[in-house]
PDB file of all heavy atoms in Angstrom:
ATOM      1  N   LEU A   1     117.774 111.402 109.736  1.00  0.00           N
ATOM      2  CA  LEU A   1     116.727 112.319 109.434  1.00  0.00           C
ATOM      3  C   LEU A   1     117.313 113.373 108.506  1.00  0.00           C
ATOM      4  O   LEU A   1     118.166 114.174 108.911  1.00  0.00           O
ATOM      5  CB  LEU A   1     116.114 112.934 110.669  1.00  0.00           C
ATOM      6  CG  LEU A   1     115.086 114.075 110.460  1.00  0.00           C
ATOM      7  CD1 LEU A   1     113.885 113.543 109.603  1.00  0.00           C
ATOM      8  CD2 LEU A   1     114.526 114.611 111.788  1.00  0.00           C
ATOM      9  N   ASP A   2     116.823 113.344 107.257  1.00  0.00           N
ATOM     10  CA  ASP A   2     117.396 114.290 106.202  1.00  0.00           C
ATOM     11  C   ASP A   2     116.418 115.444 106.034  1.00  0.00           C
ATOM     12  O   ASP A   2     115.226 115.249 105.676  1.00  0.00           O
ATOM     13  CB  ASP A   2     117.554 113.575 104.952  1.00  0.00           C
ATOM     14  CG  ASP A   2     118.082 114.531 103.874  1.00  0.00           C
ATOM     15  OD1 ASP A   2     118.883 115.378 104.136  1.00  0.00           O
ATOM     16  OD2 ASP A   2     117.599 114.361 102.687  1.00  0.00           O
ATOM     17  N   ILE A   3     116.859 116.653 106.417  1.00  0.00           N
ATOM     18  CA  ILE A   3     116.053 117.833 106.227  1.00  0.00           C
ATOM     19  C   ILE A   3     116.445 118.400 104.862  1.00  0.00           C
ATOM     20  O   ILE A   3     117.566 118.798 104.647  1.00  0.00           O
ATOM     21  CB  ILE A   3     116.340 118.855 107.393  1.00  0.00           C
ATOM     22  CG1 ILE A   3     115.914 118.227 108.726  1.00  0.00           C
ATOM     23  CG2 ILE A   3     115.544 120.135 107.123  1.00  0.00           C
ATOM     24  CD1 ILE A   3     116.181 119.105 109.966  1.00  0.00           C
ATOM     25  N   ASP A   4     115.395 118.519 104.005  1.00  0.00           N
ATOM     26  CA  ASP A   4     115.712 118.977 102.652  1.00  0.00           C
ATOM     27  C   ASP A   4     116.333 120.350 102.641  1.00  0.00           C
ATOM     28  O   ASP A   4     115.921 121.254 103.433  1.00  0.00           O
ATOM     29  CB  ASP A   4     114.398 119.040 101.932  1.00  0.00           C
ATOM     30  CG  ASP A   4     114.576 119.181 100.411  1.00  0.00           C
ATOM     31  OD1 ASP A   4     114.710 120.333 100.021  1.00  0.00           O
ATOM     32  OD2 ASP A   4     114.521 118.148  99.800  1.00  0.00           O
ATOM     33  N   PRO A   5     117.320 120.524 101.790  1.00  0.00           N
ATOM     34  CA  PRO A   5     118.020 121.868 101.768  1.00  0.00           C
ATOM     35  C   PRO A   5     117.059 122.993 101.366  1.00  0.00           C
ATOM     36  O   PRO A   5     117.341 124.160 101.620  1.00  0.00           O
ATOM     37  CB  PRO A   5     119.109 121.678 100.639  1.00  0.00           C
ATOM     38  CG  PRO A   5     119.337 120.149 100.659  1.00  0.00           C
ATOM     39  CD  PRO A   5     118.051 119.534 100.959  1.00  0.00           C
ATOM     40  N   GLY A   6     116.018 122.652 100.641  1.00  0.00           N
ATOM     41  CA  GLY A   6     115.027 123.667 100.234  1.00  0.00           C
ATOM     42  C   GLY A   6     114.055 124.073 101.265  1.00  0.00           C
ATOM     43  O   GLY A   6     113.117 124.905 101.027  1.00  0.00           O
ATOM     44  N   THR A   7     114.124 123.462 102.467  1.00  0.00           N
ATOM     45  CA  THR A   7     113.164 123.835 103.586  1.00  0.00           C
ATOM     46  C   THR A   7     113.351 125.263 103.975  1.00  0.00           C
ATOM     47  O   THR A   7     114.505 125.746 104.233  1.00  0.00           O
ATOM     48  CB  THR A   7     113.408 122.925 104.774  1.00  0.00           C
ATOM     49  OG1 THR A   7     113.165 121.576 104.482  1.00  0.00           O
ATOM     50  CG2 THR A   7     112.614 123.317 105.983  1.00  0.00           C
ATOM     51  N   ALA A   8     112.219 125.984 103.925  1.00  0.00           N
ATOM     52  CA  ALA A   8     112.296 127.407 104.289  1.00  0.00           C
ATOM     53  C   ALA A   8     110.917 127.744 104.890  1.00  0.00           C
ATOM     54  O   ALA A   8     109.968 127.764 104.164  1.00  0.00           O
ATOM     55  CB  ALA A   8     112.647 128.243 103.126  1.00  0.00           C
ATOM     56  N   VAL A   9     110.848 128.083 106.154  1.00  0.00           N
ATOM     57  CA  VAL A   9     109.577 128.377 106.820  1.00  0.00           C
ATOM     58  C   VAL A   9     109.795 129.639 107.594  1.00  0.00           C
ATOM     59  O   VAL A   9     110.604 129.686 108.546  1.00  0.00           O
ATOM     60  CB  VAL A   9     109.139 127.217 107.761  1.00  0.00           C
ATOM     61  CG1 VAL A   9     107.788 127.610 108.382  1.00  0.00           C
ATOM     62  CG2 VAL A   9     108.927 125.927 106.901  1.00  0.00           C
ATOM     63  N   GLY A  10     109.002 130.647 107.269  1.00  0.00           N
ATOM     64  CA  GLY A  10     109.091 131.875 108.086  1.00  0.00           C
ATOM     65  C   GLY A  10     108.005 131.932 109.118  1.00  0.00           C
ATOM     66  O   GLY A  10     107.534 130.906 109.565  1.00  0.00           O
ATOM     67  N   THR A  11     107.469 133.152 109.389  1.00  0.00           N
ATOM     68  CA  THR A  11     106.401 133.267 110.392  1.00  0.00           C
ATOM     69  C   THR A  11     105.079 132.892 109.655  1.00  0.00           C
ATOM     70  O   THR A  11     104.700 133.606 108.709  1.00  0.00           O
ATOM     71  CB  THR A  11     106.352 134.678 110.888  1.00  0.00           C
ATOM     72  OG1 THR A  11     107.610 134.984 111.498  1.00  0.00           O
ATOM     73  CG2 THR A  11     105.202 134.823 111.908  1.00  0.00           C
ATOM     74  N   THR A  12     104.380 131.922 110.109  1.00  0.00           N
ATOM     75  CA  THR A  12     103.139 131.404 109.403  1.00  0.00           C
ATOM     76  C   THR A  12     101.913 131.790 110.175  1.00  0.00           C
ATOM     77  O   THR A  12     100.816 131.754 109.540  1.00  0.00           O
ATOM     78  CB  THR A  12     103.206 129.889 109.294  1.00  0.00           C
ATOM     79  OG1 THR A  12     103.203 129.337 110.556  1.00  0.00           O
ATOM     80  CG2 THR A  12     104.435 129.462 108.480  1.00  0.00           C
ATOM     81  N   GLY A  13     101.947 132.148 111.373  1.00  0.00           N
ATOM     82  CA  GLY A  13     100.778 132.401 112.206  1.00  0.00           C
ATOM     83  C   GLY A  13     100.022 131.150 112.596  1.00  0.00           C
ATOM     84  O   GLY A  13      99.001 131.267 113.277  1.00  0.00           O
ATOM     85  N   ILE A  14     100.507 129.976 112.192  1.00  0.00           N
ATOM     86  CA  ILE A  14      99.858 128.761 112.631  1.00  0.00           C
ATOM     87  C   ILE A  14     100.280 128.444 114.066  1.00  0.00           C
ATOM     88  O   ILE A  14     101.389 128.581 114.459  1.00  0.00           O
ATOM     89  CB  ILE A  14     100.334 127.619 111.715  1.00  0.00           C
ATOM     90  CG1 ILE A  14      99.906 127.868 110.289  1.00  0.00           C
ATOM     91  CG2 ILE A  14      99.699 126.275 112.154  1.00  0.00           C
ATOM     92  CD1 ILE A  14     100.415 126.893 109.223  1.00  0.00           C
ATOM     93  N   PRO A  15      99.369 128.069 114.901  1.00  0.00           N
ATOM     94  CA  PRO A  15      99.696 127.816 116.263  1.00  0.00           C
ATOM     95  C   PRO A  15     100.897 126.839 116.444  1.00  0.00           C
ATOM     96  O   PRO A  15     100.848 125.754 115.773  1.00  0.00           O
ATOM     97  CB  PRO A  15      98.415 127.234 116.896  1.00  0.00           C
ATOM     98  CG  PRO A  15      97.290 127.785 116.101  1.00  0.00           C
ATOM     99  CD  PRO A  15      97.893 127.919 114.729  1.00  0.00           C
ATOM    100  N   SER A  16     101.769 127.186 117.245  1.00  0.00           N
ATOM    101  CA  SER A  16     102.944 126.284 117.396  1.00  0.00           C
ATOM    102  C   SER A  16     102.609 124.852 117.952  1.00  0.00           C
ATOM    103  O   SER A  16     103.216 123.882 117.472  1.00  0.00           O
ATOM    104  CB  SER A  16     103.993 126.970 118.326  1.00  0.00           C
ATOM    105  OG  SER A  16     103.402 127.179 119.615  1.00  0.00           O
ATOM    106  N   GLY A  17     101.599 124.895 118.719  1.00  0.00           N
ATOM    107  CA  GLY A  17     101.199 123.513 119.210  1.00  0.00           C
ATOM    108  C   GLY A  17     100.649 122.613 118.136  1.00  0.00           C
ATOM    109  O   GLY A  17     100.966 121.424 118.135  1.00  0.00           O
ATOM    110  N   ASP A  18      99.938 123.186 117.149  1.00  0.00           N
ATOM    111  CA  ASP A  18      99.494 122.412 116.053  1.00  0.00           C
ATOM    112  C   ASP A  18     100.608 122.019 115.120  1.00  0.00           C
ATOM    113  O   ASP A  18     100.631 120.857 114.608  1.00  0.00           O
ATOM    114  CB  ASP A  18      98.435 123.200 115.203  1.00  0.00           C
ATOM    115  CG  ASP A  18      97.141 123.380 115.964  1.00  0.00           C
ATOM    116  OD1 ASP A  18      96.886 122.629 116.929  1.00  0.00           O
ATOM    117  OD2 ASP A  18      96.321 124.298 115.584  1.00  0.00           O
ATOM    118  N   LEU A  19     101.596 122.885 114.889  1.00  0.00           N
ATOM    119  CA  LEU A  19     102.790 122.550 114.110  1.00  0.00           C
ATOM    120  C   LEU A  19     103.545 121.347 114.767  1.00  0.00           C
ATOM    121  O   LEU A  19     103.948 120.390 114.079  1.00  0.00           O
ATOM    122  CB  LEU A  19     103.708 123.732 113.998  1.00  0.00           C
ATOM    123  CG  LEU A  19     103.315 124.794 113.014  1.00  0.00           C
ATOM    124  CD1 LEU A  19     104.236 125.959 112.935  1.00  0.00           C
ATOM    125  CD2 LEU A  19     103.213 124.126 111.509  1.00  0.00           C
ATOM    126  N   VAL A  20     103.693 121.470 116.073  1.00  0.00           N
ATOM    127  CA  VAL A  20     104.406 120.388 116.827  1.00  0.00           C
ATOM    128  C   VAL A  20     103.565 119.085 116.622  1.00  0.00           C
ATOM    129  O   VAL A  20     104.156 118.062 116.443  1.00  0.00           O
ATOM    130  CB  VAL A  20     104.547 120.698 118.269  1.00  0.00           C
ATOM    131  CG1 VAL A  20     105.051 119.507 119.122  1.00  0.00           C
ATOM    132  CG2 VAL A  20     105.566 121.859 118.389  1.00  0.00           C
ATOM    133  N   THR A  21     102.278 119.139 116.833  1.00  0.00           N
ATOM    134  CA  THR A  21     101.385 117.913 116.683  1.00  0.00           C
ATOM    135  C   THR A  21     101.564 117.240 115.302  1.00  0.00           C
ATOM    136  O   THR A  21     101.755 116.086 115.182  1.00  0.00           O
ATOM    137  CB  THR A  21      99.945 118.253 116.952  1.00  0.00           C
ATOM    138  OG1 THR A  21      99.826 118.798 118.314  1.00  0.00           O
ATOM    139  CG2 THR A  21      99.066 117.062 116.766  1.00  0.00           C
ATOM    140  N   ILE A  22     101.499 118.129 114.223  1.00  0.00           N
ATOM    141  CA  ILE A  22     101.545 117.645 112.878  1.00  0.00           C
ATOM    142  C   ILE A  22     102.918 117.042 112.598  1.00  0.00           C
ATOM    143  O   ILE A  22     103.052 115.882 112.173  1.00  0.00           O
ATOM    144  CB  ILE A  22     101.136 118.735 111.876  1.00  0.00           C
ATOM    145  CG1 ILE A  22      99.661 119.121 112.166  1.00  0.00           C
ATOM    146  CG2 ILE A  22     101.374 118.219 110.488  1.00  0.00           C
ATOM    147  CD1 ILE A  22      99.225 120.340 111.339  1.00  0.00           C
ATOM    148  N   VAL A  23     103.935 117.886 112.746  1.00  0.00           N
ATOM    149  CA  VAL A  23     105.341 117.499 112.333  1.00  0.00           C
ATOM    150  C   VAL A  23     105.842 116.420 113.217  1.00  0.00           C
ATOM    151  O   VAL A  23     106.412 115.422 112.751  1.00  0.00           O
ATOM    152  CB  VAL A  23     106.214 118.681 112.269  1.00  0.00           C
ATOM    153  CG1 VAL A  23     107.647 118.228 111.974  1.00  0.00           C
ATOM    154  CG2 VAL A  23     105.830 119.722 111.277  1.00  0.00           C
ATOM    155  N   GLY A  24     105.579 116.583 114.591  1.00  0.00           N
ATOM    156  CA  GLY A  24     106.140 115.567 115.506  1.00  0.00           C
ATOM    157  C   GLY A  24     105.565 114.150 115.290  1.00  0.00           C
ATOM    158  O   GLY A  24     106.301 113.158 115.249  1.00  0.00           O
ATOM    159  N   ASN A  25     104.269 114.070 115.107  1.00  0.00           N
ATOM    160  CA  ASN A  25     103.688 112.782 114.887  1.00  0.00           C
ATOM    161  C   ASN A  25     104.017 112.184 113.579  1.00  0.00           C
ATOM    162  O   ASN A  25     104.272 110.901 113.503  1.00  0.00           O
ATOM    163  CB  ASN A  25     102.159 112.869 114.999  1.00  0.00           C
ATOM    164  CG  ASN A  25     101.699 112.973 116.530  1.00  0.00           C
ATOM    165  OD1 ASN A  25     101.752 111.967 117.235  1.00  0.00           O
ATOM    166  ND2 ASN A  25     101.214 114.086 116.899  1.00  0.00           N
ATOM    167  N   LEU A  26     104.108 112.983 112.531  1.00  0.00           N
ATOM    168  CA  LEU A  26     104.503 112.412 111.194  1.00  0.00           C
ATOM    169  C   LEU A  26     106.005 111.904 111.250  1.00  0.00           C
ATOM    170  O   LEU A  26     106.257 110.847 110.703  1.00  0.00           O
ATOM    171  CB  LEU A  26     104.417 113.528 110.130  1.00  0.00           C
ATOM    172  CG  LEU A  26     102.906 113.917 109.727  1.00  0.00           C
ATOM    173  CD1 LEU A  26     102.971 115.023 108.682  1.00  0.00           C
ATOM    174  CD2 LEU A  26     102.171 112.740 109.198  1.00  0.00           C
ATOM    175  N   LEU A  27     106.823 112.648 111.908  1.00  0.00           N
ATOM    176  CA  LEU A  27     108.241 112.244 111.990  1.00  0.00           C
ATOM    177  C   LEU A  27     108.360 110.958 112.886  1.00  0.00           C
ATOM    178  O   LEU A  27     109.145 110.044 112.587  1.00  0.00           O
ATOM    179  CB  LEU A  27     109.131 113.343 112.582  1.00  0.00           C
ATOM    180  CG  LEU A  27     109.317 114.569 111.631  1.00  0.00           C
ATOM    181  CD1 LEU A  27     110.208 115.662 112.337  1.00  0.00           C
ATOM    182  CD2 LEU A  27     110.022 114.064 110.341  1.00  0.00           C
ATOM    183  N   ASP A  28     107.632 110.915 114.017  1.00  0.00           N
ATOM    184  CA  ASP A  28     107.688 109.677 114.819  1.00  0.00           C
ATOM    185  C   ASP A  28     107.207 108.534 114.090  1.00  0.00           C
ATOM    186  O   ASP A  28     107.881 107.447 114.136  1.00  0.00           O
ATOM    187  CB  ASP A  28     106.752 109.897 116.043  1.00  0.00           C
ATOM    188  CG  ASP A  28     107.463 110.898 117.156  1.00  0.00           C
ATOM    189  OD1 ASP A  28     108.642 111.072 117.048  1.00  0.00           O
ATOM    190  OD2 ASP A  28     106.666 111.391 117.964  1.00  0.00           O
ATOM    191  N   ASN A  29     106.111 108.610 113.329  1.00  0.00           N
ATOM    192  CA  ASN A  29     105.671 107.478 112.523  1.00  0.00           C
ATOM    193  C   ASN A  29     106.656 107.102 111.452  1.00  0.00           C
ATOM    194  O   ASN A  29     106.903 105.964 111.159  1.00  0.00           O
ATOM    195  CB  ASN A  29     104.286 107.860 111.874  1.00  0.00           C
ATOM    196  CG  ASN A  29     103.144 107.670 112.878  1.00  0.00           C
ATOM    197  OD1 ASN A  29     103.362 107.297 114.025  1.00  0.00           O
ATOM    198  ND2 ASN A  29     101.998 108.029 112.397  1.00  0.00           N
ATOM    199  N   ALA A  30     107.266 108.099 110.803  1.00  0.00           N
ATOM    200  CA  ALA A  30     108.279 107.835 109.771  1.00  0.00           C
ATOM    201  C   ALA A  30     109.465 107.130 110.315  1.00  0.00           C
ATOM    202  O   ALA A  30     110.053 106.230 109.702  1.00  0.00           O
ATOM    203  CB  ALA A  30     108.627 109.160 109.082  1.00  0.00           C
ATOM    204  N   ILE A  31     109.981 107.573 111.495  1.00  0.00           N
ATOM    205  CA  ILE A  31     111.114 106.979 112.115  1.00  0.00           C
ATOM    206  C   ILE A  31     110.820 105.486 112.475  1.00  0.00           C
ATOM    207  O   ILE A  31     111.644 104.543 112.213  1.00  0.00           O
ATOM    208  CB  ILE A  31     111.574 107.761 113.325  1.00  0.00           C
ATOM    209  CG1 ILE A  31     112.086 109.180 112.942  1.00  0.00           C
ATOM    210  CG2 ILE A  31     112.635 106.965 114.146  1.00  0.00           C
ATOM    211  CD1 ILE A  31     112.419 110.033 114.059  1.00  0.00           C
ATOM    212  N   ASP A  32     109.606 105.260 112.977  1.00  0.00           N
ATOM    213  CA  ASP A  32     109.240 103.856 113.391  1.00  0.00           C
ATOM    214  C   ASP A  32     109.113 103.046 112.137  1.00  0.00           C
ATOM    215  O   ASP A  32     109.578 101.844 112.069  1.00  0.00           O
ATOM    216  CB  ASP A  32     107.866 103.922 114.103  1.00  0.00           C
ATOM    217  CG  ASP A  32     108.004 104.431 115.471  1.00  0.00           C
ATOM    218  OD1 ASP A  32     109.130 104.512 116.045  1.00  0.00           O
ATOM    219  OD2 ASP A  32     106.928 104.897 116.084  1.00  0.00           O
ATOM    220  N   ALA A  33     108.581 103.632 111.047  1.00  0.00           N
ATOM    221  CA  ALA A  33     108.417 102.815 109.796  1.00  0.00           C
ATOM    222  C   ALA A  33     109.782 102.558 109.230  1.00  0.00           C
ATOM    223  O   ALA A  33     110.030 101.492 108.587  1.00  0.00           O
ATOM    224  CB  ALA A  33     107.555 103.655 108.815  1.00  0.00           C
ATOM    225  N   ALA A  34     110.750 103.478 109.206  1.00  0.00           N
ATOM    226  CA  ALA A  34     112.049 103.339 108.689  1.00  0.00           C
ATOM    227  C   ALA A  34     112.824 102.206 109.425  1.00  0.00           C
ATOM    228  O   ALA A  34     113.581 101.467 108.776  1.00  0.00           O
ATOM    229  CB  ALA A  34     112.906 104.653 108.730  1.00  0.00           C
ATOM    230  N   LEU A  35     112.590 102.050 110.682  1.00  0.00           N
ATOM    231  CA  LEU A  35     113.218 100.942 111.442  1.00  0.00           C
ATOM    232  C   LEU A  35     112.806  99.604 111.002  1.00  0.00           C
ATOM    233  O   LEU A  35     113.524  98.579 111.224  1.00  0.00           O
ATOM    234  CB  LEU A  35     112.938 101.199 112.930  1.00  0.00           C
ATOM    235  CG  LEU A  35     113.675 102.359 113.607  1.00  0.00           C
ATOM    236  CD1 LEU A  35     113.182 102.555 115.031  1.00  0.00           C
ATOM    237  CD2 LEU A  35     115.181 102.188 113.625  1.00  0.00           C
ATOM    238  N   THR A  36     111.597  99.486 110.344  1.00  0.00           N
ATOM    239  CA  THR A  36     111.142  98.229 109.934  1.00  0.00           C
ATOM    240  C   THR A  36     111.702  97.836 108.571  1.00  0.00           C
ATOM    241  O   THR A  36     111.589  96.716 108.086  1.00  0.00           O
ATOM    242  CB  THR A  36     109.616  98.279 109.811  1.00  0.00           C
ATOM    243  OG1 THR A  36     109.203  99.210 108.845  1.00  0.00           O
ATOM    244  CG2 THR A  36     108.979  98.582 111.121  1.00  0.00           C
ATOM    245  N   GLY A  37     112.332  98.799 107.854  1.00  0.00           N
ATOM    246  CA  GLY A  37     112.932  98.554 106.533  1.00  0.00           C
ATOM    247  C   GLY A  37     114.375  98.129 106.575  1.00  0.00           C
ATOM    248  O   GLY A  37     115.005  98.016 107.609  1.00  0.00           O
ATOM    249  N   GLU A  38     114.931  97.950 105.386  1.00  0.00           N
ATOM    250  CA  GLU A  38     116.324  97.495 105.288  1.00  0.00           C
ATOM    251  C   GLU A  38     117.237  98.771 105.280  1.00  0.00           C
ATOM    252  O   GLU A  38     116.789  99.848 104.893  1.00  0.00           O
ATOM    253  CB  GLU A  38     116.628  96.769 104.030  1.00  0.00           C
ATOM    254  CG  GLU A  38     115.837  95.438 103.906  1.00  0.00           C
ATOM    255  CD  GLU A  38     116.271  94.450 104.957  1.00  0.00           C
ATOM    256  OE1 GLU A  38     117.509  94.573 105.358  1.00  0.00           O
ATOM    257  OE2 GLU A  38     115.517  93.631 105.436  1.00  0.00           O
ATOM    258  N   PRO A  39     118.479  98.655 105.765  1.00  0.00           N
ATOM    259  CA  PRO A  39     119.485  99.744 105.721  1.00  0.00           C
ATOM    260  C   PRO A  39     119.677 100.178 104.215  1.00  0.00           C
ATOM    261  O   PRO A  39     119.601  99.358 103.344  1.00  0.00           O
ATOM    262  CB  PRO A  39     120.679  99.299 106.359  1.00  0.00           C
ATOM    263  CG  PRO A  39     120.220  98.077 107.165  1.00  0.00           C
ATOM    264  CD  PRO A  39     119.098  97.480 106.472  1.00  0.00           C
ATOM    265  N   PRO A  40     119.991 101.455 103.981  1.00  0.00           N
ATOM    266  CA  PRO A  40     120.052 102.578 104.951  1.00  0.00           C
ATOM    267  C   PRO A  40     118.709 103.055 105.346  1.00  0.00           C
ATOM    268  O   PRO A  40     117.758 103.113 104.570  1.00  0.00           O
ATOM    269  CB  PRO A  40     120.852 103.638 104.186  1.00  0.00           C
ATOM    270  CG  PRO A  40     120.460 103.378 102.739  1.00  0.00           C
ATOM    271  CD  PRO A  40     120.339 101.880 102.584  1.00  0.00           C
ATOM    272  N   ARG A  41     118.465 103.313 106.652  1.00  0.00           N
ATOM    273  CA  ARG A  41     117.273 103.645 107.155  1.00  0.00           C
ATOM    274  C   ARG A  41     117.201 105.190 107.263  1.00  0.00           C
ATOM    275  O   ARG A  41     117.943 105.852 108.014  1.00  0.00           O
ATOM    276  CB  ARG A  41     116.999 103.073 108.550  1.00  0.00           C
ATOM    277  CG  ARG A  41     116.977 101.596 108.541  1.00  0.00           C
ATOM    278  CD  ARG A  41     116.702 101.025 109.967  1.00  0.00           C
ATOM    279  NE  ARG A  41     116.583  99.575 109.965  1.00  0.00           N
ATOM    280  CZ  ARG A  41     117.616  98.706 110.114  1.00  0.00           C
ATOM    281  NH1 ARG A  41     118.851  99.199 110.319  1.00  0.00           N
ATOM    282  NH2 ARG A  41     117.394  97.423 110.123  1.00  0.00           N
ATOM    283  N   GLU A  42     116.294 105.795 106.455  1.00  0.00           N
ATOM    284  CA  GLU A  42     116.247 107.305 106.291  1.00  0.00           C
ATOM    285  C   GLU A  42     114.844 107.759 106.426  1.00  0.00           C
ATOM    286  O   GLU A  42     113.882 107.099 106.092  1.00  0.00           O
ATOM    287  CB  GLU A  42     116.890 107.672 105.013  1.00  0.00           C
ATOM    288  CG  GLU A  42     118.354 107.332 104.860  1.00  0.00           C
ATOM    289  CD  GLU A  42     118.920 107.716 103.449  1.00  0.00           C
ATOM    290  OE1 GLU A  42     118.082 108.074 102.524  1.00  0.00           O
ATOM    291  OE2 GLU A  42     120.118 107.786 103.395  1.00  0.00           O
ATOM    292  N   VAL A  43     114.765 109.113 106.840  1.00  0.00           N
ATOM    293  CA  VAL A  43     113.470 109.818 106.826  1.00  0.00           C
ATOM    294  C   VAL A  43     113.746 111.169 106.131  1.00  0.00           C
ATOM    295  O   VAL A  43     114.738 111.872 106.577  1.00  0.00           O
ATOM    296  CB  VAL A  43     112.946 110.022 108.258  1.00  0.00           C
ATOM    297  CG1 VAL A  43     111.725 110.959 108.238  1.00  0.00           C
ATOM    298  CG2 VAL A  43     112.579 108.671 108.830  1.00  0.00           C
ATOM    299  N   HIS A  44     112.914 111.519 105.209  1.00  0.00           N
ATOM    300  CA  HIS A  44     113.140 112.775 104.504  1.00  0.00           C
ATOM    301  C   HIS A  44     112.036 113.765 104.901  1.00  0.00           C
ATOM    302  O   HIS A  44     110.872 113.455 104.837  1.00  0.00           O
ATOM    303  CB  HIS A  44     113.152 112.543 103.000  1.00  0.00           C
ATOM    304  CG  HIS A  44     113.346 113.847 102.166  1.00  0.00           C
ATOM    305  ND1 HIS A  44     114.625 114.398 102.057  1.00  0.00           N
ATOM    306  CD2 HIS A  44     112.460 114.592 101.487  1.00  0.00           C
ATOM    307  CE1 HIS A  44     114.481 115.446 101.312  1.00  0.00           C
ATOM    308  NE2 HIS A  44     113.196 115.612 100.947  1.00  0.00           N
TER     309      HIS A  44
END
């Protein structure tokens, strides 16, 4: 899992539960999709 060096997130006021739902599900799907591909298996 590669976290872009340009990632910068301050206080957004967005509910933390919604952030977890959005980012967590997108990353879970991306990890599952990467496992179906050829090495190197990466998520950005």
